[in-house]
Amino acid sequence: MKTILEEVQNKTFAQEWIEENKTGKENYNRMMDEDQSQQIEKVGKELRERMSWLKN
């Protein structure tokens, strides 16, 4: 966590994020796809679909 804080403070994180967006978000999209395939995400989606009060 200390390393991450340092990257935020020295603007490395922001520079990498800007570059990621300029180049099509390949890493971001890959990580999102990996996260969405996790069992907890699948179960969460099914549960949210059953909660009618969450629908707008």
PDB file of N, CA and C in Angstrom:
ATOM      1  N   MET A   1       0.822  -1.191   0.000  1.00  0.00           N
ATOM      2  CA  MET A   1       0.000   0.000   0.000  1.00  0.00           C
ATOM      3  C   MET A   1       0.866   1.255   0.000  1.00  0.00           C
ATOM      4  N   LYS A   2       2.007   1.150   0.652  1.00  0.00           N
ATOM      5  CA  LYS A   2       2.907   2.299   0.685  1.00  0.00           C
ATOM      6  C   LYS A   2       3.370   2.659  -0.725  1.00  0.00           C
ATOM      7  N   THR A   3       3.657   1.652  -1.526  1.00  0.00           N
ATOM      8  CA  THR A   3       4.090   1.886  -2.904  1.00  0.00           C
ATOM      9  C   THR A   3       2.989   2.559  -3.704  1.00  0.00           C
ATOM     10  N   ILE A   4       1.769   2.104  -3.517  1.00  0.00           N
ATOM     11  CA  ILE A   4       0.636   2.693  -4.236  1.00  0.00           C
ATOM     12  C   ILE A   4       0.462   4.153  -3.842  1.00  0.00           C
ATOM     13  N   LEU A   5       0.552   4.442  -2.550  1.00  0.00           N
ATOM     14  CA  LEU A   5       0.445   5.823  -2.087  1.00  0.00           C
ATOM     15  C   LEU A   5       1.536   6.686  -2.717  1.00  0.00           C
ATOM     16  N   GLU A   6       2.741   6.172  -2.767  1.00  0.00           N
ATOM     17  CA  GLU A   6       3.842   6.925  -3.380  1.00  0.00           C
ATOM     18  C   GLU A   6       3.564   7.198  -4.857  1.00  0.00           C
ATOM     19  N   GLU A   7       3.000   6.204  -5.561  1.00  0.00           N
ATOM     20  CA  GLU A   7       2.683   6.393  -6.978  1.00  0.00           C
ATOM     21  C   GLU A   7       1.602   7.453  -7.172  1.00  0.00           C
ATOM     22  N   VAL A   8       0.665   7.523  -6.255  1.00  0.00           N
ATOM     23  CA  VAL A   8      -0.362   8.565  -6.333  1.00  0.00           C
ATOM     24  C   VAL A   8       0.270   9.924  -6.052  1.00  0.00           C
ATOM     25  N   GLN A   9       1.079   9.988  -5.027  1.00  0.00           N
ATOM     26  CA  GLN A   9       1.679  11.260  -4.639  1.00  0.00           C
ATOM     27  C   GLN A   9       2.675  11.789  -5.671  1.00  0.00           C
ATOM     28  N   ASN A  10       3.427  10.910  -6.312  1.00  0.00           N
ATOM     29  CA  ASN A  10       4.410  11.396  -7.288  1.00  0.00           C
ATOM     30  C   ASN A  10       3.851  11.435  -8.714  1.00  0.00           C
ATOM     31  N   LYS A  11       2.561  11.202  -8.843  1.00  0.00           N
ATOM     32  CA  LYS A  11       1.799  11.319 -10.089  1.00  0.00           C
ATOM     33  C   LYS A  11       2.077  10.205 -11.102  1.00  0.00           C
ATOM     34  N   THR A  12       2.812   9.183 -10.698  1.00  0.00           N
ATOM     35  CA  THR A  12       3.046   8.047 -11.587  1.00  0.00           C
ATOM     36  C   THR A  12       1.731   7.371 -11.939  1.00  0.00           C
ATOM     37  N   PHE A  13       0.875   7.175 -10.933  1.00  0.00           N
ATOM     38  CA  PHE A  13      -0.413   6.524 -11.170  1.00  0.00           C
ATOM     39  C   PHE A  13      -1.233   7.298 -12.193  1.00  0.00           C
ATOM     40  N   ALA A  14      -1.320   8.602 -12.029  1.00  0.00           N
ATOM     41  CA  ALA A  14      -2.108   9.433 -12.949  1.00  0.00           C
ATOM     42  C   ALA A  14      -1.545   9.362 -14.363  1.00  0.00           C
ATOM     43  N   GLN A  15      -0.239   9.409 -14.488  1.00  0.00           N
ATOM     44  CA  GLN A  15       0.385   9.345 -15.811  1.00  0.00           C
ATOM     45  C   GLN A  15       0.095   8.007 -16.489  1.00  0.00           C
ATOM     46  N   GLU A  16       0.188   6.922 -15.721  1.00  0.00           N
ATOM     47  CA  GLU A  16      -0.096   5.598 -16.279  1.00  0.00           C
ATOM     48  C   GLU A  16      -1.570   5.464 -16.654  1.00  0.00           C
ATOM     49  N   TRP A  17      -2.454   6.029 -15.830  1.00  0.00           N
ATOM     50  CA  TRP A  17      -3.895   5.960 -16.105  1.00  0.00           C
ATOM     51  C   TRP A  17      -4.243   6.740 -17.376  1.00  0.00           C
ATOM     52  N   ILE A  18      -3.656   7.909 -17.534  1.00  0.00           N
ATOM     53  CA  ILE A  18      -3.885   8.718 -18.737  1.00  0.00           C
ATOM     54  C   ILE A  18      -3.391   7.964 -19.970  1.00  0.00           C
ATOM     55  N   GLU A  19      -2.216   7.375 -19.877  1.00  0.00           N
ATOM     56  CA  GLU A  19      -1.663   6.608 -21.002  1.00  0.00           C
ATOM     57  C   GLU A  19      -2.537   5.390 -21.308  1.00  0.00           C
ATOM     58  N   GLU A  20      -3.015   4.727 -20.274  1.00  0.00           N
ATOM     59  CA  GLU A  20      -3.904   3.568 -20.453  1.00  0.00           C
ATOM     60  C   GLU A  20      -5.150   3.970 -21.238  1.00  0.00           C
ATOM     61  N   ASN A  21      -5.724   5.101 -20.914  1.00  0.00           N
ATOM     62  CA  ASN A  21      -6.918   5.574 -21.617  1.00  0.00           C
ATOM     63  C   ASN A  21      -6.615   5.986 -23.052  1.00  0.00           C
ATOM     64  N   LYS A  22      -5.463   6.576 -23.271  1.00  0.00           N
ATOM     65  CA  LYS A  22      -5.084   7.003 -24.627  1.00  0.00           C
ATOM     66  C   LYS A  22      -4.865   5.816 -25.560  1.00  0.00           C
ATOM     67  N   THR A  23      -4.442   4.698 -24.993  1.00  0.00           N
ATOM     68  CA  THR A  23      -4.080   3.540 -25.816  1.00  0.00           C
ATOM     69  C   THR A  23      -5.160   2.465 -25.856  1.00  0.00           C
ATOM     70  N   GLY A  24      -6.381   2.799 -25.448  1.00  0.00           N
ATOM     71  CA  GLY A  24      -7.491   1.864 -25.613  1.00  0.00           C
ATOM     72  C   GLY A  24      -7.865   1.031 -24.399  1.00  0.00           C
ATOM     73  N   LYS A  25      -7.273   1.276 -23.270  1.00  0.00           N
ATOM     74  CA  LYS A  25      -7.618   0.618 -22.007  1.00  0.00           C
ATOM     75  C   LYS A  25      -7.498  -0.913 -22.045  1.00  0.00           C
ATOM     76  N   GLU A  26      -6.493  -1.425 -22.725  1.00  0.00           N
ATOM     77  CA  GLU A  26      -6.321  -2.875 -22.842  1.00  0.00           C
ATOM     78  C   GLU A  26      -6.188  -3.552 -21.473  1.00  0.00           C
ATOM     79  N   ASN A  27      -5.315  -3.027 -20.620  1.00  0.00           N
ATOM     80  CA  ASN A  27      -5.125  -3.626 -19.293  1.00  0.00           C
ATOM     81  C   ASN A  27      -6.373  -3.484 -18.437  1.00  0.00           C
ATOM     82  N   TYR A  28      -6.984  -2.317 -18.467  1.00  0.00           N
ATOM     83  CA  TYR A  28      -8.204  -2.073 -17.695  1.00  0.00           C
ATOM     84  C   TYR A  28      -9.301  -3.045 -18.116  1.00  0.00           C
ATOM     85  N   ASN A  29      -9.516  -3.168 -19.417  1.00  0.00           N
ATOM     86  CA  ASN A  29     -10.564  -4.059 -19.913  1.00  0.00           C
ATOM     87  C   ASN A  29     -10.279  -5.516 -19.559  1.00  0.00           C
ATOM     88  N   ARG A  30      -9.019  -5.919 -19.634  1.00  0.00           N
ATOM     89  CA  ARG A  30      -8.643  -7.284 -19.267  1.00  0.00           C
ATOM     90  C   ARG A  30      -8.943  -7.548 -17.795  1.00  0.00           C
ATOM     91  N   MET A  31      -8.574  -6.600 -16.938  1.00  0.00           N
ATOM     92  CA  MET A  31      -8.827  -6.770 -15.507  1.00  0.00           C
ATOM     93  C   MET A  31     -10.320  -6.773 -15.203  1.00  0.00           C
ATOM     94  N   MET A  32     -11.080  -5.934 -15.881  1.00  0.00           N
ATOM     95  CA  MET A  32     -12.533  -5.923 -15.678  1.00  0.00           C
ATOM     96  C   MET A  32     -13.143  -7.249 -16.104  1.00  0.00           C
ATOM     97  N   ASP A  33     -12.705  -7.788 -17.230  1.00  0.00           N
ATOM     98  CA  ASP A  33     -13.199  -9.089 -17.687  1.00  0.00           C
ATOM     99  C   ASP A  33     -12.869 -10.182 -16.679  1.00  0.00           C
ATOM    100  N   GLU A  34     -11.656 -10.145 -16.146  1.00  0.00           N
ATOM    101  CA  GLU A  34     -11.258 -11.134 -15.139  1.00  0.00           C
ATOM    102  C   GLU A  34     -12.121 -11.005 -13.892  1.00  0.00           C
ATOM    103  N   ASP A  35     -12.379  -9.783 -13.458  1.00  0.00           N
ATOM    104  CA  ASP A  35     -13.212  -9.566 -12.273  1.00  0.00           C
ATOM    105  C   ASP A  35     -14.637 -10.041 -12.501  1.00  0.00           C
ATOM    106  N   GLN A  36     -15.188  -9.750 -13.659  1.00  0.00           N
ATOM    107  CA  GLN A  36     -16.569 -10.123 -13.952  1.00  0.00           C
ATOM    108  C   GLN A  36     -16.752 -11.633 -14.029  1.00  0.00           C
ATOM    109  N   SER A  37     -15.688 -12.365 -14.282  1.00  0.00           N
ATOM    110  CA  SER A  37     -15.802 -13.817 -14.379  1.00  0.00           C
ATOM    111  C   SER A  37     -15.673 -14.506 -13.020  1.00  0.00           C
ATOM    112  N   GLN A  38     -15.427 -13.739 -11.962  1.00  0.00           N
ATOM    113  CA  GLN A  38     -15.332 -14.312 -10.621  1.00  0.00           C
ATOM    114  C   GLN A  38     -16.706 -14.784 -10.145  1.00  0.00           C
ATOM    115  N   GLN A  39     -16.735 -15.869  -9.404  1.00  0.00           N
ATOM    116  CA  GLN A  39     -17.992 -16.439  -8.915  1.00  0.00           C
ATOM    117  C   GLN A  39     -18.799 -15.422  -8.107  1.00  0.00           C
ATOM    118  N   ILE A  40     -18.144 -14.624  -7.281  1.00  0.00           N
ATOM    119  CA  ILE A  40     -18.868 -13.657  -6.455  1.00  0.00           C
ATOM    120  C   ILE A  40     -19.607 -12.636  -7.313  1.00  0.00           C
ATOM    121  N   GLU A  41     -19.044 -12.279  -8.450  1.00  0.00           N
ATOM    122  CA  GLU A  41     -19.709 -11.334  -9.350  1.00  0.00           C
ATOM    123  C   GLU A  41     -20.926 -11.973 -10.005  1.00  0.00           C
ATOM    124  N   LYS A  42     -20.811 -13.240 -10.360  1.00  0.00           N
ATOM    125  CA  LYS A  42     -21.941 -13.948 -10.966  1.00  0.00           C
ATOM    126  C   LYS A  42     -23.094 -14.067  -9.977  1.00  0.00           C
ATOM    127  N   VAL A  43     -22.786 -14.442  -8.745  1.00  0.00           N
ATOM    128  CA  VAL A  43     -23.817 -14.565  -7.714  1.00  0.00           C
ATOM    129  C   VAL A  43     -24.414 -13.201  -7.409  1.00  0.00           C
ATOM    130  N   GLY A  44     -23.583 -12.183  -7.296  1.00  0.00           N
ATOM    131  CA  GLY A  44     -24.069 -10.830  -7.029  1.00  0.00           C
ATOM    132  C   GLY A  44     -25.030 -10.356  -8.096  1.00  0.00           C
ATOM    133  N   LYS A  45     -24.724 -10.634  -9.339  1.00  0.00           N
ATOM    134  CA  LYS A  45     -25.610 -10.241 -10.443  1.00  0.00           C
ATOM    135  C   LYS A  45     -26.959 -10.933 -10.315  1.00  0.00           C
ATOM    136  N   GLU A  46     -26.935 -12.232 -10.020  1.00  0.00           N
ATOM    137  CA  GLU A  46     -28.185 -12.974  -9.864  1.00  0.00           C
ATOM    138  C   GLU A  46     -29.007 -12.424  -8.701  1.00  0.00           C
ATOM    139  N   LEU A  47     -28.352 -12.111  -7.603  1.00  0.00           N
ATOM    140  CA  LEU A  47     -29.068 -11.571  -6.444  1.00  0.00           C
ATOM    141  C   LEU A  47     -29.663 -10.200  -6.745  1.00  0.00           C
ATOM    142  N   ARG A  48     -28.900  -9.328  -7.403  1.00  0.00           N
ATOM    143  CA  ARG A  48     -29.415  -7.997  -7.735  1.00  0.00           C
ATOM    144  C   ARG A  48     -30.616  -8.083  -8.665  1.00  0.00           C
ATOM    145  N   GLU A  49     -30.624  -9.071  -9.561  1.00  0.00           N
ATOM    146  CA  GLU A  49     -31.763  -9.246 -10.461  1.00  0.00           C
ATOM    147  C   GLU A  49     -33.029  -9.622  -9.698  1.00  0.00           C
ATOM    148  N   ARG A  50     -32.886 -10.242  -8.539  1.00  0.00           N
ATOM    149  CA  ARG A  50     -34.038 -10.648  -7.721  1.00  0.00           C
ATOM    150  C   ARG A  50     -34.530  -9.531  -6.800  1.00  0.00           C
ATOM    151  N   MET A  51     -33.777  -8.460  -6.690  1.00  0.00           N
ATOM    152  CA  MET A  51     -34.123  -7.359  -5.786  1.00  0.00           C
ATOM    153  C   MET A  51     -34.838  -6.270  -6.569  1.00  0.00           C
ATOM    154  N   SER A  52     -36.146  -6.422  -6.672  1.00  0.00           N
ATOM    155  CA  SER A  52     -36.941  -5.511  -7.495  1.00  0.00           C
ATOM    156  C   SER A  52     -36.827  -4.058  -7.037  1.00  0.00           C
ATOM    157  N   TRP A  53     -36.590  -3.832  -5.768  1.00  0.00           N
ATOM    158  CA  TRP A  53     -36.500  -2.463  -5.261  1.00  0.00           C
ATOM    159  C   TRP A  53     -35.236  -1.746  -5.732  1.00  0.00           C
ATOM    160  N   LEU A  54     -34.281  -2.467  -6.288  1.00  0.00           N
ATOM    161  CA  LEU A  54     -33.077  -1.830  -6.813  1.00  0.00           C
ATOM    162  C   LEU A  54     -33.266  -1.308  -8.228  1.00  0.00           C
ATOM    163  N   LYS A  55     -34.306  -1.775  -8.898  1.00  0.00           N
ATOM    164  CA  LYS A  55     -34.534  -1.379 -10.287  1.00  0.00           C
ATOM    165  C   LYS A  55     -35.176  -0.003 -10.343  1.00  0.00           C
ATOM    166  N   ASN A  56     -34.680   0.815 -11.242  1.00  0.00           N
ATOM    167  CA  ASN A  56     -35.231   2.172 -11.399  1.00  0.00           C
ATOM    168  C   ASN A  56     -36.127   2.227 -12.598  1.00  0.00           C
TER     169      ASN A  56
END
